[in-house]
Amino acid sequence: MNRAGNVMDALAVLVLVVVGIWGAVLYPQLPETIVTHWDASGEADSFSRKSFWSVFGTLMVGAGMVSVFLVMRLVLARRSNLVPSERRTYALIFGYLNLSMAVMFGSIGLASWYGAQLGPWFMVFALLAGVPVLLILGLNMHTMTEERKKLIGPSEPSHDPQYWVLGGAFYSNPDDPRVFVPRPPHTGMGWTTNLATTGGRMFLIGVGLVVVLVFALPFLL
């Protein structure tokens, strides 16, 4: 596995464990009412009585998200048809997602316990958290494509219209092991995922979870 991805995964787990222990130590000293929600500007606007869920609920949601991404990464790592650049890219993406989620939810937990404001910069971070994923993909896409071409030969199955579904928005070919494929001229420009692969479906699920979480975050706090 990719070393940088492993380090980020380990740091994500460490952040959650340290913040969890910190919360357990603080629990007896916490006030009977704590902050549980912030508005779009990062200002506290809702409070709840102290309980296990109000104190540790946010951290548990973060741990759940990190666990999902860890499982997704392990499943992808077991696939034998991935080229080296794909393994490296997935490791970096899921490692980053895990670490950013751990930092985000850990920060929310600490802010709740200390009655602090999250502030506008935290909201900006939450909204832009997915940008590094796009950068990682962009920087590695060419290498992944070239390595894949060497495996499948000169023909490009993604040029066959029969494999494009949902109005040509997505590619679905169970005989093509690639997760990311280039769009042929008849479907537009750029890249898309192969819905017939486990990696393609898991990637879309992961992106969907991040998008939903970003927009739902103000309501979950």
Foldseek 3Di string as FASTA:
>chain_A
DDPVLVVLLVLLVVLLVVLVVVLVVCLVVFDQKWFQFADLFQHGDDIDGDDCCSQCVLSVVLVVLLVLLVVLLVVVVPDPPADPLVNNLSSVLSSLVSNLSSVLSSVVNVCGRVVHGPGNVSLVCLVCSCVVNVVSCVVRVVVRVVVLCVVPDDDDVLVDVVQADPQNPEGEDLVRAFQKDAHPPVNHGDIAGHPNYPNNVSVVVSVVVSVCCSVCVNVRD
